[in-house]
Structure formats: structure tokens, C-alpha cells
Amino acid sequence: MKTLLLCLVLVAYTALTPGFPQASQKIEKMLNLGLGMQSYALGGLCNGASFELGFPNNISVGGFFDYALYGTKFGDRRWKSQYASFGVRGSFHLADALGVGNDKFDPYVGLSVGTRTVIHRTEFEQEDWFIPRLKGFIPGVHVGSFYHFSQKIGGFAEMGRGIAALRLGVTGKF
């Protein structure tokens, strides 16, 4: 309890100091929406979104949400699996380290950790059942790059291990 109270006092003190508003103005907020190919075990497409806060020292942190649907039909047998995963992610932006002098191109690498829920539905001769299963923590790595068309809008391409092996999408800064 004392530790929690001390943390709250430190956060309040930091927020009320005169330098905090200038520091918060340097933080970039990025929303990424993408469409990707599913993980290595399944085919099909998945949708995903992530929100990140970019700090001045080339690090961004945030969260992600992915949804994927995969299914098939063989004769009178049908099945579908739905995957939903969410978690936190962090990226290190490599533009300065690689010496890329262009403000439009922003390569990055990162790590993520999250959880995945699977709902499997099978239909066999009028039977319909589903089982939601929490699959536990899933670690992930990603490598990708942003290309900024303007100050606010850009695109991104990302490869990694998680729910999507390859993802393309749009990004917005605000």
C-alpha cells in the first residue's frame, strides 16, 4: 500500500512540474491499422490495430489488438476458428542508428507480449458447438518500417512472429 501511495505521489509531482508539459508535447501518438497474412500455422487474412506513444529517444511503446478468422468446408463437415489477441508492444526506431537522413522513412524493430483467445466452431451433421480457449501468453518480435506521405498520414509494412506473419497498413500521427 505504501509503494502504491508513493508511486501516485511521484506521478502527481511529475505531472505538476513546469517541465512536464514541454515533455508531453514531444510525445508522438501513432495509430496503425493493418491487414495481414495469418501466422505460420494457418492461412487466410487477419485484421489488426496498434496504438503507440513515440518518445524522443527513438523508443515507442503501446498496445495491439488482432483478430483472425480461418475455416474450411469438406463435404458435410465445416469448421471455423476465430483468434483474438491483445497485448503490449515496444519498438526501437533505427533511422538515426542506420544513418537514414530522410524524415519520411522510419525502420524499426521490436518485441511484444500478449494473450490469445481461440474460439473453435465445428458443424458436423447438424451438431454445432464452440469452445473458447485462452491460450496464455504469446511472445512476439517484429521488424518493419513506416513511410510518411505527409506529417499526419503514412503507411507501414511489418513482418514478425505473432498472429500475423506479414502486415500492410496505414498509420496516423496526432
N, C-alpha and C. Protein backbone atom coordinates (compact mmCIF):
# COMPACT_ATOMS: atom_id res chain seq x y z
N MET A 1 0.82 -1.19 0.00
CA MET A 1 0.00 0.00 0.00
C MET A 1 0.87 1.25 0.00
N LYS A 2 1.98 1.21 0.78
CA LYS A 2 2.87 2.35 0.84
C LYS A 2 3.55 2.59 -0.51
N THR A 3 3.89 1.50 -1.19
CA THR A 3 4.52 1.63 -2.50
C THR A 3 3.56 2.26 -3.50
N LEU A 4 2.31 1.85 -3.49
CA LEU A 4 1.31 2.41 -4.39
C LEU A 4 1.11 3.89 -4.12
N LEU A 5 1.04 4.27 -2.87
CA LEU A 5 0.88 5.68 -2.50
C LEU A 5 2.09 6.50 -2.93
N LEU A 6 3.29 5.96 -2.77
CA LEU A 6 4.50 6.65 -3.19
C LEU A 6 4.52 6.84 -4.70
N CYS A 7 4.11 5.81 -5.45
CA CYS A 7 4.05 5.93 -6.91
C CYS A 7 3.06 6.99 -7.35
N LEU A 8 1.89 7.03 -6.71
CA LEU A 8 0.89 8.04 -7.05
C LEU A 8 1.39 9.46 -6.76
N VAL A 9 2.10 9.64 -5.64
CA VAL A 9 2.66 10.95 -5.31
C VAL A 9 3.72 11.35 -6.34
N LEU A 10 4.57 10.42 -6.75
CA LEU A 10 5.60 10.73 -7.75
C LEU A 10 4.99 11.09 -9.10
N VAL A 11 3.95 10.37 -9.51
CA VAL A 11 3.27 10.68 -10.77
C VAL A 11 2.62 12.05 -10.70
N ALA A 12 1.95 12.36 -9.61
CA ALA A 12 1.32 13.68 -9.44
C ALA A 12 2.36 14.78 -9.43
N TYR A 13 3.47 14.58 -8.75
CA TYR A 13 4.54 15.59 -8.70
C TYR A 13 5.12 15.82 -10.10
N THR A 14 5.35 14.74 -10.85
CA THR A 14 5.90 14.86 -12.20
C THR A 14 4.93 15.60 -13.11
N ALA A 15 3.65 15.31 -12.99
CA ALA A 15 2.66 15.95 -13.85
C ALA A 15 2.51 17.44 -13.54
N LEU A 16 2.77 17.84 -12.30
CA LEU A 16 2.58 19.23 -11.91
C LEU A 16 3.84 20.08 -12.06
N THR A 17 4.99 19.47 -12.35
CA THR A 17 6.21 20.26 -12.51
C THR A 17 6.15 21.04 -13.81
N PRO A 18 6.83 22.20 -13.88
CA PRO A 18 6.76 23.04 -15.07
C PRO A 18 7.31 22.39 -16.34
N GLY A 19 8.25 21.47 -16.26
CA GLY A 19 8.83 20.87 -17.46
C GLY A 19 7.98 19.79 -18.09
N PHE A 20 7.00 19.29 -17.38
CA PHE A 20 6.20 18.18 -17.90
C PHE A 20 5.40 18.54 -19.15
N PRO A 21 4.75 19.71 -19.25
CA PRO A 21 4.01 20.00 -20.48
C PRO A 21 4.89 20.03 -21.73
N GLN A 22 6.14 20.51 -21.61
CA GLN A 22 7.03 20.50 -22.77
C GLN A 22 7.41 19.08 -23.15
N ALA A 23 7.61 18.22 -22.17
CA ALA A 23 7.95 16.84 -22.47
C ALA A 23 6.78 16.12 -23.11
N SER A 24 5.56 16.40 -22.67
CA SER A 24 4.41 15.71 -23.24
C SER A 24 4.13 16.17 -24.66
N GLN A 25 4.58 17.38 -25.04
CA GLN A 25 4.37 17.84 -26.41
C GLN A 25 5.29 17.11 -27.38
N LYS A 26 6.39 16.55 -26.91
CA LYS A 26 7.33 15.83 -27.78
C LYS A 26 6.89 14.39 -28.04
N ILE A 27 5.94 13.89 -27.31
CA ILE A 27 5.48 12.51 -27.48
C ILE A 27 4.54 12.44 -28.67
N GLU A 28 4.88 11.58 -29.64
CA GLU A 28 4.03 11.38 -30.81
C GLU A 28 3.07 10.23 -30.54
N LYS A 29 1.85 10.40 -30.96
CA LYS A 29 0.84 9.35 -30.82
C LYS A 29 0.59 8.78 -32.21
N MET A 30 0.68 7.44 -32.34
CA MET A 30 0.52 6.79 -33.63
C MET A 30 -0.55 5.70 -33.54
N LEU A 31 -1.47 5.73 -34.49
CA LEU A 31 -2.49 4.69 -34.61
C LEU A 31 -2.25 3.97 -35.92
N ASN A 32 -2.08 2.65 -35.85
CA ASN A 32 -1.78 1.83 -37.01
C ASN A 32 -2.92 0.85 -37.24
N LEU A 33 -3.45 0.80 -38.45
CA LEU A 33 -4.48 -0.14 -38.84
C LEU A 33 -3.97 -0.94 -40.02
N GLY A 34 -4.03 -2.27 -39.91
CA GLY A 34 -3.45 -3.07 -40.98
C GLY A 34 -4.18 -4.36 -41.26
N LEU A 35 -3.87 -4.90 -42.40
CA LEU A 35 -4.39 -6.18 -42.87
C LEU A 35 -3.19 -7.06 -43.13
N GLY A 36 -3.25 -8.29 -42.62
CA GLY A 36 -2.08 -9.14 -42.76
C GLY A 36 -2.42 -10.57 -43.08
N MET A 37 -1.38 -11.32 -43.41
CA MET A 37 -1.49 -12.76 -43.60
C MET A 37 -1.32 -13.40 -42.25
N GLN A 38 -2.14 -14.43 -41.98
CA GLN A 38 -2.12 -15.04 -40.65
C GLN A 38 -0.82 -15.72 -40.35
N SER A 39 -0.73 -16.19 -39.13
CA SER A 39 0.50 -16.79 -38.63
C SER A 39 0.91 -18.00 -39.45
N TYR A 40 2.02 -18.55 -39.10
CA TYR A 40 2.65 -19.60 -39.88
C TYR A 40 1.86 -20.89 -39.90
N ALA A 41 1.02 -21.15 -38.92
CA ALA A 41 0.27 -22.39 -38.83
C ALA A 41 -1.02 -22.35 -39.64
N LEU A 42 -1.57 -21.17 -39.90
CA LEU A 42 -2.86 -21.05 -40.57
C LEU A 42 -2.75 -20.15 -41.80
N GLY A 43 -3.73 -20.25 -42.68
CA GLY A 43 -3.80 -19.37 -43.83
C GLY A 43 -4.84 -18.30 -43.60
N GLY A 44 -5.12 -17.51 -44.61
CA GLY A 44 -6.15 -16.50 -44.50
C GLY A 44 -5.62 -15.14 -44.13
N LEU A 45 -6.55 -14.24 -43.83
CA LEU A 45 -6.21 -12.85 -43.51
C LEU A 45 -6.56 -12.53 -42.06
N CYS A 46 -5.91 -11.52 -41.52
CA CYS A 46 -6.25 -11.04 -40.19
C CYS A 46 -6.24 -9.52 -40.19
N ASN A 47 -6.99 -8.95 -39.27
CA ASN A 47 -7.05 -7.50 -39.09
C ASN A 47 -6.32 -7.17 -37.81
N GLY A 48 -5.71 -5.99 -37.80
CA GLY A 48 -5.01 -5.62 -36.59
C GLY A 48 -4.93 -4.12 -36.42
N ALA A 49 -4.76 -3.72 -35.18
CA ALA A 49 -4.59 -2.31 -34.85
C ALA A 49 -3.60 -2.21 -33.70
N SER A 50 -2.84 -1.14 -33.71
CA SER A 50 -1.94 -0.86 -32.59
C SER A 50 -1.91 0.63 -32.36
N PHE A 51 -1.69 1.00 -31.12
CA PHE A 51 -1.55 2.39 -30.73
C PHE A 51 -0.24 2.51 -29.99
N GLU A 52 0.59 3.46 -30.40
CA GLU A 52 1.90 3.61 -29.79
C GLU A 52 2.17 5.07 -29.44
N LEU A 53 2.92 5.25 -28.38
CA LEU A 53 3.42 6.56 -27.99
C LEU A 53 4.91 6.58 -28.33
N GLY A 54 5.31 7.52 -29.19
CA GLY A 54 6.70 7.63 -29.60
C GLY A 54 7.42 8.67 -28.76
N PHE A 55 8.49 8.27 -28.11
CA PHE A 55 9.26 9.15 -27.25
C PHE A 55 10.47 9.69 -28.00
N PRO A 56 11.04 10.80 -27.54
CA PRO A 56 12.16 11.41 -28.27
C PRO A 56 13.41 10.55 -28.39
N ASN A 57 13.60 9.56 -27.57
CA ASN A 57 14.82 8.74 -27.63
C ASN A 57 14.67 7.51 -28.53
N ASN A 58 13.86 7.61 -29.60
CA ASN A 58 13.68 6.57 -30.62
C ASN A 58 13.01 5.31 -30.11
N ILE A 59 12.24 5.41 -29.04
CA ILE A 59 11.52 4.27 -28.49
C ILE A 59 10.03 4.58 -28.52
N SER A 60 9.24 3.59 -28.88
CA SER A 60 7.79 3.74 -28.81
C SER A 60 7.21 2.53 -28.07
N VAL A 61 6.17 2.78 -27.29
CA VAL A 61 5.50 1.72 -26.55
C VAL A 61 4.00 1.88 -26.72
N GLY A 62 3.28 0.79 -26.63
CA GLY A 62 1.83 0.87 -26.77
C GLY A 62 1.20 -0.50 -26.69
N GLY A 63 0.02 -0.60 -27.25
CA GLY A 63 -0.73 -1.84 -27.22
C GLY A 63 -1.20 -2.25 -28.59
N PHE A 64 -1.65 -3.50 -28.72
CA PHE A 64 -2.13 -4.00 -30.01
C PHE A 64 -3.36 -4.88 -29.80
N PHE A 65 -4.14 -5.02 -30.87
CA PHE A 65 -5.28 -5.94 -30.92
C PHE A 65 -5.33 -6.54 -32.31
N ASP A 66 -5.44 -7.86 -32.41
CA ASP A 66 -5.52 -8.56 -33.69
C ASP A 66 -6.70 -9.51 -33.67
N TYR A 67 -7.34 -9.67 -34.83
CA TYR A 67 -8.45 -10.60 -34.98
C TYR A 67 -8.27 -11.37 -36.28
N ALA A 68 -8.43 -12.67 -36.22
CA ALA A 68 -8.28 -13.51 -37.41
C ALA A 68 -9.38 -14.57 -37.42
N LEU A 69 -9.81 -14.93 -38.61
CA LEU A 69 -10.83 -15.95 -38.82
C LEU A 69 -10.31 -16.92 -39.87
N TYR A 70 -10.41 -18.19 -39.58
CA TYR A 70 -9.96 -19.20 -40.52
C TYR A 70 -10.94 -20.36 -40.48
N GLY A 71 -11.29 -20.89 -41.62
CA GLY A 71 -12.23 -22.01 -41.66
C GLY A 71 -12.23 -22.67 -43.03
N THR A 72 -12.87 -23.80 -43.09
CA THR A 72 -12.96 -24.53 -44.35
C THR A 72 -14.18 -25.46 -44.31
N LYS A 73 -14.50 -26.03 -45.47
CA LYS A 73 -15.62 -26.96 -45.59
C LYS A 73 -15.18 -28.14 -46.44
N PHE A 74 -15.39 -29.34 -45.90
CA PHE A 74 -15.13 -30.58 -46.62
C PHE A 74 -16.41 -31.39 -46.63
N GLY A 75 -17.08 -31.47 -47.76
CA GLY A 75 -18.34 -32.21 -47.85
C GLY A 75 -19.38 -31.65 -46.91
N ASP A 76 -19.85 -32.50 -45.96
CA ASP A 76 -20.85 -32.04 -44.99
C ASP A 76 -20.20 -31.57 -43.68
N ARG A 77 -18.89 -31.53 -43.64
CA ARG A 77 -18.19 -31.10 -42.42
C ARG A 77 -17.63 -29.69 -42.62
N ARG A 78 -17.91 -28.82 -41.65
CA ARG A 78 -17.44 -27.43 -41.67
C ARG A 78 -16.82 -27.09 -40.33
N TRP A 79 -15.77 -26.27 -40.35
CA TRP A 79 -15.21 -25.78 -39.11
C TRP A 79 -14.67 -24.38 -39.31
N LYS A 80 -14.66 -23.63 -38.21
CA LYS A 80 -14.14 -22.27 -38.19
C LYS A 80 -13.38 -22.06 -36.89
N SER A 81 -12.32 -21.29 -36.98
CA SER A 81 -11.58 -20.88 -35.79
C SER A 81 -11.44 -19.37 -35.81
N GLN A 82 -11.70 -18.75 -34.68
CA GLN A 82 -11.53 -17.30 -34.52
C GLN A 82 -10.43 -17.07 -33.50
N TYR A 83 -9.53 -16.16 -33.84
CA TYR A 83 -8.41 -15.83 -32.96
C TYR A 83 -8.48 -14.35 -32.63
N ALA A 84 -8.37 -14.02 -31.38
CA ALA A 84 -8.28 -12.63 -30.94
C ALA A 84 -7.09 -12.55 -30.00
N SER A 85 -6.21 -11.62 -30.26
CA SER A 85 -5.06 -11.43 -29.38
C SER A 85 -4.89 -9.95 -29.07
N PHE A 86 -4.40 -9.68 -27.89
CA PHE A 86 -4.12 -8.31 -27.49
C PHE A 86 -2.96 -8.33 -26.50
N GLY A 87 -2.28 -7.21 -26.43
CA GLY A 87 -1.14 -7.12 -25.53
C GLY A 87 -0.41 -5.81 -25.66
N VAL A 88 0.83 -5.81 -25.22
CA VAL A 88 1.67 -4.62 -25.27
C VAL A 88 2.83 -4.87 -26.22
N ARG A 89 3.33 -3.77 -26.78
CA ARG A 89 4.47 -3.87 -27.69
C ARG A 89 5.36 -2.66 -27.53
N GLY A 90 6.61 -2.84 -27.88
CA GLY A 90 7.58 -1.76 -27.85
C GLY A 90 8.46 -1.86 -29.07
N SER A 91 8.87 -0.71 -29.58
CA SER A 91 9.70 -0.68 -30.78
C SER A 91 10.87 0.27 -30.59
N PHE A 92 11.97 -0.07 -31.22
CA PHE A 92 13.13 0.81 -31.28
C PHE A 92 13.27 1.26 -32.72
N HIS A 93 13.25 2.57 -32.95
CA HIS A 93 13.29 3.13 -34.30
C HIS A 93 14.75 3.35 -34.70
N LEU A 94 15.12 2.80 -35.86
CA LEU A 94 16.51 2.69 -36.27
C LEU A 94 16.99 3.76 -37.23
N ALA A 95 16.20 4.78 -37.52
CA ALA A 95 16.58 5.77 -38.54
C ALA A 95 17.90 6.45 -38.18
N ASP A 96 18.07 6.86 -36.93
CA ASP A 96 19.32 7.51 -36.52
C ASP A 96 20.49 6.53 -36.50
N ALA A 97 20.25 5.32 -36.01
CA ALA A 97 21.32 4.33 -35.91
C ALA A 97 21.81 3.88 -37.28
N LEU A 98 20.91 3.81 -38.27
CA LEU A 98 21.30 3.40 -39.62
C LEU A 98 21.78 4.58 -40.47
N GLY A 99 21.60 5.79 -39.98
CA GLY A 99 22.03 6.96 -40.72
C GLY A 99 21.13 7.31 -41.89
N VAL A 100 19.87 6.98 -41.77
CA VAL A 100 18.91 7.32 -42.82
C VAL A 100 18.54 8.78 -42.63
N GLY A 101 18.88 9.63 -43.58
CA GLY A 101 18.67 11.06 -43.43
C GLY A 101 17.30 11.56 -43.84
N ASN A 102 16.40 10.67 -44.21
CA ASN A 102 15.08 11.04 -44.69
C ASN A 102 14.07 10.98 -43.56
N ASP A 103 13.29 12.05 -43.36
CA ASP A 103 12.28 12.06 -42.30
C ASP A 103 11.07 11.19 -42.65
N LYS A 104 10.92 10.82 -43.92
CA LYS A 104 9.75 10.04 -44.33
C LYS A 104 9.90 8.55 -44.05
N PHE A 105 11.10 8.03 -44.04
CA PHE A 105 11.36 6.61 -43.87
C PHE A 105 11.77 6.34 -42.43
N ASP A 106 11.09 5.40 -41.76
CA ASP A 106 11.34 5.12 -40.34
C ASP A 106 11.35 3.61 -40.10
N PRO A 107 12.52 2.93 -40.20
CA PRO A 107 12.58 1.50 -39.90
C PRO A 107 12.59 1.26 -38.40
N TYR A 108 12.08 0.09 -37.98
CA TYR A 108 12.03 -0.22 -36.55
C TYR A 108 12.06 -1.72 -36.32
N VAL A 109 12.44 -2.10 -35.11
CA VAL A 109 12.38 -3.49 -34.63
C VAL A 109 11.75 -3.44 -33.25
N GLY A 110 11.15 -4.56 -32.85
CA GLY A 110 10.52 -4.52 -31.54
C GLY A 110 10.11 -5.88 -31.01
N LEU A 111 9.60 -5.83 -29.79
CA LEU A 111 9.12 -7.00 -29.08
C LEU A 111 7.69 -6.76 -28.62
N SER A 112 6.95 -7.84 -28.47
CA SER A 112 5.59 -7.74 -27.94
C SER A 112 5.30 -8.95 -27.06
N VAL A 113 4.34 -8.78 -26.20
CA VAL A 113 3.84 -9.90 -25.40
C VAL A 113 2.34 -9.68 -25.23
N GLY A 114 1.59 -10.76 -25.37
CA GLY A 114 0.14 -10.64 -25.28
C GLY A 114 -0.50 -11.96 -24.95
N THR A 115 -1.78 -11.99 -25.12
CA THR A 115 -2.54 -13.21 -24.89
C THR A 115 -3.44 -13.47 -26.08
N ARG A 116 -3.75 -14.71 -26.33
CA ARG A 116 -4.58 -15.08 -27.48
C ARG A 116 -5.75 -15.92 -27.00
N THR A 117 -6.93 -15.61 -27.52
CA THR A 117 -8.13 -16.39 -27.24
C THR A 117 -8.55 -17.06 -28.55
N VAL A 118 -8.90 -18.33 -28.47
CA VAL A 118 -9.30 -19.09 -29.65
C VAL A 118 -10.71 -19.61 -29.43
N ILE A 119 -11.59 -19.40 -30.42
CA ILE A 119 -12.92 -19.99 -30.40
C ILE A 119 -12.99 -20.91 -31.61
N HIS A 120 -13.18 -22.18 -31.36
CA HIS A 120 -13.24 -23.18 -32.43
C HIS A 120 -14.68 -23.66 -32.57
N ARG A 121 -15.22 -23.59 -33.77
CA ARG A 121 -16.61 -23.99 -34.01
C ARG A 121 -16.61 -25.06 -35.10
N THR A 122 -17.24 -26.19 -34.80
CA THR A 122 -17.35 -27.29 -35.75
C THR A 122 -18.81 -27.60 -35.99
N GLU A 123 -19.14 -27.88 -37.24
CA GLU A 123 -20.51 -28.26 -37.59
C GLU A 123 -20.43 -29.59 -38.32
N PHE A 124 -20.98 -30.63 -37.74
CA PHE A 124 -20.96 -31.95 -38.36
C PHE A 124 -22.33 -32.60 -38.19
N GLU A 125 -23.04 -32.75 -39.28
CA GLU A 125 -24.38 -33.36 -39.28
C GLU A 125 -25.30 -32.74 -38.24
N GLN A 126 -25.55 -31.46 -38.37
CA GLN A 126 -26.48 -30.70 -37.54
C GLN A 126 -25.96 -30.43 -36.13
N GLU A 127 -24.75 -30.83 -35.79
CA GLU A 127 -24.20 -30.51 -34.48
C GLU A 127 -23.45 -29.19 -34.57
N ASP A 128 -23.63 -28.34 -33.59
CA ASP A 128 -22.95 -27.05 -33.57
C ASP A 128 -22.44 -26.80 -32.16
N TRP A 129 -21.14 -26.65 -32.00
CA TRP A 129 -20.58 -26.40 -30.69
C TRP A 129 -19.37 -25.50 -30.83
N PHE A 130 -19.05 -24.83 -29.75
CA PHE A 130 -17.84 -24.00 -29.76
C PHE A 130 -17.19 -24.05 -28.39
N ILE A 131 -15.89 -23.87 -28.40
CA ILE A 131 -15.11 -23.90 -27.17
C ILE A 131 -14.18 -22.69 -27.17
N PRO A 132 -14.43 -21.71 -26.30
CA PRO A 132 -13.44 -20.63 -26.17
C PRO A 132 -12.27 -21.09 -25.29
N ARG A 133 -11.07 -20.84 -25.75
CA ARG A 133 -9.89 -21.25 -25.01
C ARG A 133 -8.91 -20.10 -24.92
N LEU A 134 -8.43 -19.82 -23.74
CA LEU A 134 -7.39 -18.84 -23.54
C LEU A 134 -6.06 -19.56 -23.71
N LYS A 135 -5.25 -19.11 -24.65
CA LYS A 135 -4.02 -19.82 -24.98
C LYS A 135 -2.80 -19.32 -24.22
N GLY A 136 -2.99 -18.41 -23.28
CA GLY A 136 -1.87 -17.94 -22.49
C GLY A 136 -1.08 -16.84 -23.16
N PHE A 137 0.11 -16.59 -22.65
CA PHE A 137 0.94 -15.52 -23.16
C PHE A 137 1.63 -15.94 -24.45
N ILE A 138 1.66 -15.02 -25.41
CA ILE A 138 2.37 -15.27 -26.65
C ILE A 138 3.40 -14.16 -26.85
N PRO A 139 4.66 -14.54 -26.93
CA PRO A 139 5.68 -13.53 -27.22
C PRO A 139 5.73 -13.26 -28.72
N GLY A 140 6.20 -12.12 -29.09
CA GLY A 140 6.31 -11.78 -30.50
C GLY A 140 7.48 -10.86 -30.76
N VAL A 141 7.98 -10.90 -31.97
CA VAL A 141 9.01 -9.98 -32.44
C VAL A 141 8.52 -9.40 -33.75
N HIS A 142 8.94 -8.20 -34.06
CA HIS A 142 8.54 -7.60 -35.34
C HIS A 142 9.65 -6.70 -35.87
N VAL A 143 9.68 -6.61 -37.18
CA VAL A 143 10.58 -5.71 -37.88
C VAL A 143 9.77 -5.08 -39.00
N GLY A 144 9.92 -3.79 -39.17
CA GLY A 144 9.12 -3.12 -40.19
C GLY A 144 9.60 -1.71 -40.43
N SER A 145 8.80 -0.98 -41.19
CA SER A 145 9.14 0.42 -41.45
C SER A 145 7.87 1.20 -41.76
N PHE A 146 7.93 2.46 -41.39
CA PHE A 146 6.89 3.43 -41.74
C PHE A 146 7.40 4.24 -42.92
N TYR A 147 6.49 4.64 -43.78
CA TYR A 147 6.79 5.63 -44.80
C TYR A 147 5.72 6.70 -44.67
N HIS A 148 6.13 7.93 -44.34
CA HIS A 148 5.19 9.02 -44.07
C HIS A 148 4.93 9.80 -45.36
N PHE A 149 3.69 9.75 -45.84
CA PHE A 149 3.29 10.51 -47.02
C PHE A 149 3.17 12.00 -46.70
N SER A 150 2.75 12.32 -45.49
CA SER A 150 2.65 13.69 -45.00
C SER A 150 3.00 13.67 -43.51
N GLN A 151 2.82 14.80 -42.82
CA GLN A 151 3.13 14.83 -41.39
C GLN A 151 2.18 13.95 -40.59
N LYS A 152 0.96 13.75 -41.06
CA LYS A 152 -0.06 13.04 -40.28
C LYS A 152 -0.36 11.63 -40.78
N ILE A 153 -0.17 11.35 -42.06
CA ILE A 153 -0.59 10.07 -42.66
C ILE A 153 0.61 9.35 -43.27
N GLY A 154 0.62 8.03 -43.12
CA GLY A 154 1.68 7.23 -43.70
C GLY A 154 1.23 5.79 -43.88
N GLY A 155 2.12 4.98 -44.32
CA GLY A 155 1.87 3.55 -44.48
C GLY A 155 2.95 2.78 -43.75
N PHE A 156 2.68 1.51 -43.51
CA PHE A 156 3.69 0.68 -42.86
C PHE A 156 3.64 -0.74 -43.40
N ALA A 157 4.77 -1.40 -43.31
CA ALA A 157 4.90 -2.82 -43.64
C ALA A 157 5.65 -3.46 -42.48
N GLU A 158 5.18 -4.64 -42.07
CA GLU A 158 5.76 -5.26 -40.88
C GLU A 158 5.77 -6.77 -41.04
N MET A 159 6.87 -7.38 -40.65
CA MET A 159 6.99 -8.84 -40.59
C MET A 159 7.27 -9.21 -39.14
N GLY A 160 6.82 -10.38 -38.75
CA GLY A 160 7.10 -10.77 -37.38
C GLY A 160 6.50 -12.09 -36.99
N ARG A 161 6.66 -12.40 -35.74
CA ARG A 161 6.07 -13.59 -35.17
C ARG A 161 5.03 -13.14 -34.16
N GLY A 162 3.83 -13.58 -34.34
CA GLY A 162 2.69 -13.22 -33.52
C GLY A 162 1.48 -13.81 -34.24
N ILE A 163 0.42 -13.04 -34.39
CA ILE A 163 -0.73 -13.55 -35.12
C ILE A 163 -0.58 -13.32 -36.62
N ALA A 164 0.18 -12.33 -37.03
CA ALA A 164 0.37 -12.04 -38.45
C ALA A 164 1.85 -12.17 -38.81
N ALA A 165 2.11 -12.92 -39.89
CA ALA A 165 3.48 -13.06 -40.35
C ALA A 165 3.90 -11.86 -41.19
N LEU A 166 2.95 -11.26 -41.90
CA LEU A 166 3.19 -10.10 -42.74
C LEU A 166 1.98 -9.20 -42.66
N ARG A 167 2.21 -7.90 -42.47
CA ARG A 167 1.11 -6.95 -42.34
C ARG A 167 1.42 -5.68 -43.11
N LEU A 168 0.42 -5.14 -43.81
CA LEU A 168 0.50 -3.86 -44.50
C LEU A 168 -0.65 -3.00 -44.00
N GLY A 169 -0.40 -1.70 -43.87
CA GLY A 169 -1.49 -0.86 -43.38
C GLY A 169 -1.19 0.62 -43.45
N VAL A 170 -2.07 1.38 -42.84
CA VAL A 170 -1.94 2.83 -42.78
C VAL A 170 -1.68 3.23 -41.33
N THR A 171 -1.01 4.34 -41.19
CA THR A 171 -0.72 4.87 -39.87
C THR A 171 -1.06 6.36 -39.82
N GLY A 172 -1.50 6.79 -38.69
CA GLY A 172 -1.83 8.19 -38.48
C GLY A 172 -1.11 8.72 -37.25
N LYS A 173 -0.54 9.90 -37.37
CA LYS A 173 0.11 10.57 -36.23
C LYS A 173 -0.76 11.71 -35.77
N PHE A 174 -0.85 11.86 -34.47
CA PHE A 174 -1.58 13.00 -33.92
C PHE A 174 -1.01 13.37 -32.57
